[in-house]
Amino acid sequence: MTVDVTRRVLPVLVLIIAWGGVPCFAEDRGHPNPFQRDGGVPPSIQALATTGGGVLYAGSFGFGVFFSDDYGETWQSINDGLGDRFILCLSADANGTVYAGTVRGGVFRTTGNGKTWESIKAGLRLVEVKSLLAHHGTIYAGTGKGVYQWGEAAQEWSAVAPGLEQTLIASLAMTSTSRLFAGTAGKGLYQIDATKHGTVRWQRVGDPLVDPKEHLTHTFIRVTTVSPQQHLYVGTQDGGVYRSKDTGETWQPIGRSLPNDSIRGIVVTRAALYVATGRGIFKNNLQNSEWVPVNNGLTELSIQVLMASSEGEFYAGTNAGAFRSQDAGNHWVNISEQLGMHTTMPRPYF
């Protein structure tokens, strides 16, 4: 019987990172690699980004970043200059620059669909970069020590505002009025006026997120999204989805019929709301609050990230590769066939 080493070892490795401190990683070329993958098992995709025209970036946990220019039909590994292959988040700006946040190596970027990464970590403490947001020429990083903003002139990161220095920022979002929201791991949702960088303090947002049935307050904000109507949506660690129509002052839970309340991604269109969970992807038309599964073709239901391109494609990163939908989630196709088939995971050392 063949044992899939990667699928058994990775969950243990994740726990070490989360609770035992962040390890360093290096390849030992002189010894057999215990994380050598079976060629038929695609990597876990933690992050996705697109620059349009079929160009897609997929960030994996341990195998770096993969690049496709044909909507995920074919892939190539692009890790030149990428000092940390454990990718937690990706973000693309309007100029085609792609940023990668990592477990220990800070932030890297590549421009013009390039294949080489540049490290930009000056000013960042040695912590994980859990979230990235590119907005109107400015890049923000949510880290284990608060929110930072990149200064191109100074070539350095600086803290956006005081108040979250000891807090992991799991998600970031910006409204059209430059209101910056930070979803934290355990302290709820915070906001500032981004036009007043360095002169304001983070403020807790509105009412707490309370489950109306179980009367539990949810403070781990895993996903934060602003809709085209400028409504604010948050996905919690284990309490489902909430919506605010008044910039976070009051909140409404969106249905409670999800089979899994661990929210990993939110996509809002003018017609519907889509959420990614640990048990697949679900759609809500926002009229009757009923969730409908849209998992046709998904052979892996443990979703890690969900996004939509400006051209209308949906992409999902899972524990075993990536999937694409070209009909708003009604049908999914596996685009993982060539996703890092010959890549080797580095060995950890402490």
Protein backbone atom coordinates (compact mmCIF):
# COMPACT_ATOMS: atom_id res chain seq x y z
CA MET A 1 0.00 0.00 0.00
CA THR A 2 1.38 3.40 -0.97
CA VAL A 3 1.41 6.03 1.77
CA ASP A 4 0.99 9.67 0.74
CA VAL A 5 3.68 11.28 2.92
CA THR A 6 2.76 14.88 2.07
CA ARG A 7 -0.89 14.61 3.02
CA ARG A 8 0.07 13.07 6.38
CA VAL A 9 2.96 15.38 7.29
CA LEU A 10 1.62 18.79 6.28
CA PRO A 11 -1.08 19.12 8.98
CA VAL A 12 1.57 18.51 11.64
CA LEU A 13 3.83 21.12 10.04
CA VAL A 14 1.05 23.68 10.06
CA LEU A 15 0.52 23.20 13.79
CA ILE A 16 4.21 23.71 14.44
CA ILE A 17 4.12 27.02 12.61
CA ALA A 18 0.97 28.22 14.32
CA TRP A 19 1.79 27.32 17.89
CA GLY A 20 5.46 26.53 18.18
CA GLY A 21 7.01 29.53 16.46
CA VAL A 22 7.97 30.01 12.82
CA PRO A 23 10.66 27.63 11.55
CA CYS A 24 13.32 28.19 8.91
CA PHE A 25 13.45 25.98 5.85
CA ALA A 26 16.26 24.73 3.66
CA GLU A 27 16.87 21.99 1.14
CA ASP A 28 19.27 19.23 2.13
CA ARG A 29 20.61 18.03 -1.17
CA GLY A 30 22.83 15.39 0.43
CA HIS A 31 20.06 13.27 1.95
CA PRO A 32 16.73 11.85 0.81
CA ASN A 33 14.03 14.45 1.24
CA PRO A 34 11.19 13.19 3.48
CA PHE A 35 8.85 15.76 1.93
CA GLN A 36 9.44 14.49 -1.62
CA ARG A 37 6.02 14.41 -3.19
CA ASP A 38 4.38 11.70 -5.20
CA GLY A 39 4.22 13.13 -8.74
CA GLY A 40 0.47 12.63 -8.89
CA VAL A 41 -0.43 14.76 -5.86
CA PRO A 42 -0.79 18.52 -6.53
CA PRO A 43 0.26 20.99 -3.84
CA SER A 44 -1.96 22.82 -1.39
CA ILE A 45 -2.84 26.19 -2.93
CA GLN A 46 -3.13 28.88 -0.27
CA ALA A 47 -3.32 32.02 -2.44
CA LEU A 48 -4.33 33.12 -5.94
CA ALA A 49 -3.92 36.32 -7.97
CA THR A 50 -4.56 37.35 -11.56
CA THR A 51 -3.43 40.26 -13.71
CA GLY A 52 -6.01 39.61 -16.45
CA GLY A 53 -5.84 38.03 -19.88
CA GLY A 54 -5.59 34.52 -18.49
CA VAL A 55 -2.51 35.28 -16.38
CA LEU A 56 -2.79 33.48 -13.06
CA TYR A 57 -0.48 33.08 -10.05
CA ALA A 58 -0.94 30.27 -7.52
CA GLY A 59 0.87 30.37 -4.17
CA SER A 60 1.46 27.04 -2.47
CA PHE A 61 2.46 25.99 1.01
CA GLY A 62 6.01 24.75 0.57
CA PHE A 63 6.43 24.71 -3.21
CA GLY A 64 6.49 28.42 -3.95
CA VAL A 65 4.55 30.17 -6.72
CA PHE A 66 3.27 28.78 -10.01
CA PHE A 67 2.49 30.84 -13.12
CA SER A 68 0.00 30.31 -15.94
CA ASP A 69 -0.82 32.54 -18.92
CA ASP A 70 -3.65 30.38 -20.28
CA TYR A 71 -6.22 30.40 -17.47
CA GLY A 72 -4.52 27.55 -15.63
CA GLU A 73 -4.32 25.06 -18.49
CA THR A 74 -0.52 24.88 -18.15
CA TRP A 75 1.79 25.92 -15.32
CA GLN A 76 5.42 26.63 -14.59
CA SER A 77 7.21 27.10 -11.31
CA ILE A 78 8.57 30.66 -10.77
CA ASN A 79 10.71 30.65 -7.65
CA ASP A 80 13.87 32.45 -8.75
CA GLY A 81 14.65 34.92 -5.96
CA LEU A 82 11.83 33.66 -3.76
CA GLY A 83 13.56 33.13 -0.42
CA ASP A 84 10.57 31.52 1.29
CA ARG A 85 8.38 29.06 -0.58
CA PHE A 86 5.69 28.92 2.07
CA ILE A 87 3.18 31.36 0.57
CA LEU A 88 0.34 32.71 2.69
CA CYS A 89 -1.12 35.39 0.40
CA LEU A 90 -0.84 37.01 -3.05
CA SER A 91 -2.01 40.37 -4.38
CA ALA A 92 -1.74 42.03 -7.80
CA ASP A 93 -1.88 45.77 -8.45
CA ALA A 94 -3.24 47.62 -11.48
CA ASN A 95 0.21 47.74 -13.09
CA GLY A 96 0.67 43.98 -13.09
CA THR A 97 3.01 43.80 -10.12
CA VAL A 98 2.35 40.73 -8.00
CA TYR A 99 3.20 40.60 -4.29
CA ALA A 100 3.70 37.43 -2.24
CA GLY A 101 3.45 37.24 1.55
CA THR A 102 5.33 34.41 3.21
CA VAL A 103 5.63 32.58 6.53
CA ARG A 104 9.07 33.91 7.43
CA GLY A 105 10.67 35.70 4.47
CA GLY A 106 8.51 38.84 4.43
CA VAL A 107 7.18 40.13 1.10
CA PHE A 108 8.43 39.47 -2.43
CA ARG A 109 7.30 41.02 -5.71
CA THR A 110 7.58 40.40 -9.43
CA THR A 111 6.61 42.76 -12.26
CA GLY A 112 5.39 42.44 -15.83
CA ASN A 113 4.60 38.73 -15.62
CA GLY A 114 8.24 38.26 -14.73
CA LYS A 115 9.81 35.07 -13.49
CA THR A 116 12.16 36.61 -10.91
CA TRP A 117 11.20 37.76 -7.42
CA GLU A 118 12.57 40.74 -5.51
CA SER A 119 12.61 40.79 -1.71
CA ILE A 120 11.04 43.88 -0.13
CA LYS A 121 11.11 43.31 3.61
CA ALA A 122 12.95 46.32 5.05
CA GLY A 123 11.02 47.59 8.06
CA LEU A 124 9.06 44.38 8.59
CA ARG A 125 9.60 42.42 11.77
CA LEU A 126 10.43 38.75 11.45
CA VAL A 127 6.82 37.60 11.40
CA GLU A 128 4.44 35.97 8.96
CA VAL A 129 2.71 38.09 6.32
CA LYS A 130 -0.82 36.74 6.41
CA SER A 131 -2.64 39.23 4.14
CA LEU A 132 -1.84 41.70 1.35
CA LEU A 133 -3.90 44.46 -0.25
CA ALA A 134 -2.95 46.46 -3.34
CA HIS A 135 -5.13 49.56 -3.62
CA HIS A 136 -4.65 52.54 -5.94
CA GLY A 137 -0.88 52.28 -6.04
CA THR A 138 -0.43 51.48 -2.35
CA ILE A 139 0.39 48.06 -0.95
CA TYR A 140 -0.58 47.05 2.58
CA ALA A 141 0.63 44.01 4.50
CA GLY A 142 -1.22 42.36 7.37
CA THR A 143 1.32 40.64 9.59
CA GLY A 144 1.65 39.00 12.98
CA LYS A 145 2.58 42.43 14.32
CA GLY A 146 -0.11 44.66 12.80
CA VAL A 147 -0.57 46.43 9.45
CA TYR A 148 2.24 47.95 7.38
CA GLN A 149 2.37 50.14 4.27
CA TRP A 150 5.13 49.97 1.67
CA GLY A 151 6.94 53.22 0.86
CA GLU A 152 8.49 53.03 -2.59
CA ALA A 153 10.57 56.17 -2.14
CA ALA A 154 12.02 55.02 1.16
CA GLN A 155 12.12 51.36 0.07
CA GLU A 156 10.78 50.42 3.49
CA TRP A 157 7.65 49.29 5.30
CA SER A 158 6.15 51.47 8.03
CA ALA A 159 3.35 50.83 10.52
CA VAL A 160 0.04 52.26 9.29
CA ALA A 161 -1.26 53.17 12.76
CA PRO A 162 -0.81 52.17 16.42
CA GLY A 163 -3.13 49.83 18.25
CA LEU A 164 -2.55 46.42 16.61
CA GLU A 165 1.17 45.91 17.14
CA GLN A 166 0.76 42.51 18.83
CA THR A 167 -2.07 41.27 16.62
CA LEU A 168 -2.18 38.89 13.66
CA ILE A 169 -4.00 40.52 10.73
CA ALA A 170 -5.77 37.76 8.82
CA SER A 171 -7.46 39.96 6.19
CA LEU A 172 -7.53 43.47 4.73
CA ALA A 173 -10.11 45.40 2.70
CA MET A 174 -10.63 48.98 1.51
CA THR A 175 -13.80 50.91 0.66
CA SER A 176 -14.13 53.52 -2.09
CA THR A 177 -13.89 56.19 0.62
CA SER A 178 -10.42 54.98 1.70
CA ARG A 179 -11.69 53.32 4.84
CA LEU A 180 -9.17 50.52 5.57
CA PHE A 181 -10.45 47.47 7.46
CA ALA A 182 -8.29 44.90 9.23
CA GLY A 183 -9.71 41.54 10.23
CA THR A 184 -7.82 40.18 13.20
CA ALA A 185 -7.23 36.70 14.61
CA GLY A 186 -9.09 37.04 17.88
CA LYS A 187 -9.81 40.75 18.37
CA GLY A 188 -12.52 41.38 15.80
CA LEU A 189 -12.57 43.98 13.03
CA TYR A 190 -10.73 47.33 13.11
CA GLN A 191 -10.68 50.37 10.84
CA ILE A 192 -8.87 53.62 10.09
CA ASP A 193 -9.04 56.41 7.53
CA ALA A 194 -6.19 55.39 5.19
CA THR A 195 -5.67 58.98 4.05
CA LYS A 196 -4.40 59.79 7.55
CA HIS A 197 -1.53 57.30 7.59
CA GLY A 198 0.53 57.66 10.75
CA THR A 199 -1.74 60.20 12.45
CA VAL A 200 -4.67 58.05 13.62
CA ARG A 201 -5.18 54.98 15.79
CA TRP A 202 -6.96 51.74 14.89
CA GLN A 203 -10.57 51.73 16.10
CA ARG A 204 -12.75 48.70 16.80
CA VAL A 205 -15.63 48.50 14.32
CA GLY A 206 -19.24 48.87 15.47
CA ASP A 207 -21.24 46.10 17.07
CA PRO A 208 -19.68 42.70 17.85
CA LEU A 209 -20.50 39.72 15.64
CA VAL A 210 -22.95 37.70 17.72
CA ASP A 211 -24.52 34.43 16.65
CA PRO A 212 -28.29 35.00 17.17
CA LYS A 213 -28.93 31.34 17.99
CA GLU A 214 -25.94 30.34 20.08
CA HIS A 215 -25.28 33.85 21.44
CA LEU A 216 -21.55 33.49 20.81
CA THR A 217 -19.34 36.42 19.88
CA HIS A 218 -16.98 35.79 16.98
CA THR A 219 -13.71 37.72 16.94
CA PHE A 220 -11.54 35.73 14.50
CA ILE A 221 -12.11 37.50 11.17
CA ARG A 222 -10.63 35.29 8.50
CA VAL A 223 -11.93 37.10 5.39
CA THR A 224 -12.92 40.75 4.80
CA THR A 225 -14.51 41.88 1.52
CA VAL A 226 -16.18 45.03 0.17
CA SER A 227 -18.96 44.45 -2.38
CA PRO A 228 -19.63 46.54 -5.52
CA GLN A 229 -22.41 48.20 -3.49
CA GLN A 230 -19.81 49.06 -0.81
CA HIS A 231 -21.37 46.66 1.66
CA LEU A 232 -18.90 45.04 4.03
CA TYR A 233 -18.73 41.25 4.38
CA VAL A 234 -16.67 39.28 6.86
CA GLY A 235 -16.06 35.57 7.12
CA THR A 236 -15.22 34.20 10.54
CA GLN A 237 -13.09 31.29 11.71
CA ASP A 238 -16.08 29.25 12.87
CA GLY A 239 -19.14 31.52 12.91
CA GLY A 240 -20.14 31.90 9.27
CA VAL A 241 -20.66 35.14 7.31
CA TYR A 242 -21.85 38.59 8.37
CA ARG A 243 -22.81 41.68 6.35
CA SER A 244 -22.87 45.37 7.18
CA LYS A 245 -24.58 48.03 5.06
CA ASP A 246 -23.37 50.89 7.24
CA THR A 247 -19.59 50.48 7.19
CA GLY A 248 -19.50 48.13 10.13
CA GLU A 249 -21.77 49.91 12.60
CA THR A 250 -24.33 47.09 12.59
CA TRP A 251 -24.12 43.50 11.35
CA GLN A 252 -26.47 40.87 10.01
CA PRO A 253 -25.62 37.14 9.84
CA ILE A 254 -26.12 35.72 6.34
CA GLY A 255 -27.93 32.42 6.82
CA ARG A 256 -26.96 29.65 9.20
CA SER A 257 -27.46 26.66 6.92
CA LEU A 258 -23.82 26.25 5.89
CA PRO A 259 -22.51 22.74 6.62
CA ASN A 260 -19.19 24.32 7.64
CA ASP A 261 -18.79 27.75 9.24
CA SER A 262 -15.04 28.08 8.65
CA ILE A 263 -14.95 30.72 5.93
CA ARG A 264 -11.87 30.73 3.65
CA GLY A 265 -13.00 33.05 0.85
CA ILE A 266 -15.81 35.42 -0.19
CA VAL A 267 -16.75 36.59 -3.68
CA VAL A 268 -19.57 39.11 -4.06
CA THR A 269 -21.19 39.82 -7.43
CA ARG A 270 -24.21 42.00 -8.13
CA ALA A 271 -26.34 38.87 -8.29
CA ALA A 272 -25.07 36.63 -5.51
CA LEU A 273 -22.68 35.91 -2.67
CA TYR A 274 -20.23 32.99 -2.85
CA VAL A 275 -18.30 31.61 0.11
CA ALA A 276 -15.55 29.01 0.32
CA THR A 277 -15.54 26.71 3.34
CA GLY A 278 -13.82 23.60 4.62
CA ARG A 279 -16.57 21.58 2.91
CA GLY A 280 -16.92 23.22 -0.45
CA ILE A 281 -18.31 26.38 -2.06
CA PHE A 282 -21.81 27.75 -1.50
CA LYS A 283 -23.97 30.40 -3.16
CA ASN A 284 -26.54 32.75 -1.64
CA ASN A 285 -28.78 34.99 -3.74
CA LEU A 286 -29.21 37.36 -0.76
CA GLN A 287 -32.98 37.17 -1.08
CA ASN A 288 -33.92 34.26 1.19
CA SER A 289 -30.60 33.57 2.95
CA GLU A 290 -30.53 29.96 1.75
CA TRP A 291 -27.14 28.51 0.85
CA VAL A 292 -26.88 26.30 -2.23
CA PRO A 293 -23.79 24.13 -2.86
CA VAL A 294 -21.94 24.84 -6.12
CA ASN A 295 -19.41 22.03 -6.06
CA ASN A 296 -20.01 20.21 -9.34
CA GLY A 297 -16.57 19.07 -10.52
CA LEU A 298 -14.73 19.87 -7.29
CA THR A 299 -12.87 16.71 -6.31
CA GLU A 300 -11.36 18.43 -3.25
CA LEU A 301 -13.78 20.27 -0.96
CA SER A 302 -11.31 21.66 1.56
CA ILE A 303 -11.06 25.14 0.01
CA GLN A 304 -8.24 27.48 1.01
CA VAL A 305 -8.92 30.50 -1.22
CA LEU A 306 -11.61 31.69 -3.64
CA MET A 307 -11.36 34.55 -6.14
CA ALA A 308 -13.00 35.94 -9.27
CA SER A 309 -11.17 37.58 -12.17
CA SER A 310 -12.26 40.79 -13.85
CA GLU A 311 -13.20 38.66 -16.86
CA GLY A 312 -15.63 36.52 -14.89
CA GLU A 313 -13.69 33.32 -14.17
CA PHE A 314 -13.82 31.88 -10.68
CA TYR A 315 -10.71 30.20 -9.25
CA ALA A 316 -10.47 28.06 -6.13
CA GLY A 317 -7.32 26.91 -4.35
CA THR A 318 -7.69 23.74 -2.32
CA ASN A 319 -5.71 21.29 -0.21
CA ALA A 320 -5.02 19.42 -3.45
CA GLY A 321 -4.53 21.84 -6.32
CA ALA A 322 -6.63 24.47 -8.08
CA PHE A 323 -9.96 24.58 -9.93
CA ARG A 324 -11.59 26.97 -12.42
CA SER A 325 -15.21 27.81 -13.20
CA GLN A 326 -16.35 29.82 -16.22
CA ASP A 327 -20.05 29.78 -15.38
CA ALA A 328 -20.20 31.42 -11.94
CA GLY A 329 -19.45 28.25 -10.01
CA ASN A 330 -22.01 25.96 -11.62
CA HIS A 331 -19.27 23.71 -13.03
CA TRP A 332 -15.63 23.38 -11.99
CA VAL A 333 -12.67 21.90 -13.84
CA ASN A 334 -9.44 20.71 -12.27
CA ILE A 335 -6.50 22.83 -13.51
CA SER A 336 -3.88 21.03 -11.41
CA GLU A 337 -2.60 18.45 -13.88
CA GLN A 338 0.69 20.27 -14.47
CA LEU A 339 0.79 22.17 -11.18
CA GLY A 340 4.29 21.53 -9.86
CA MET A 341 4.54 17.88 -10.83
CA HIS A 342 8.31 17.79 -10.27
CA THR A 343 8.71 20.20 -7.36
CA THR A 344 10.38 19.19 -4.10
CA MET A 345 9.45 20.64 -0.73
CA PRO A 346 12.31 21.98 1.40
CA ARG A 347 13.04 20.26 4.68
CA PRO A 348 12.40 22.21 7.88
CA TYR A 349 15.08 22.84 10.44
CA PHE A 350 14.87 24.60 13.79
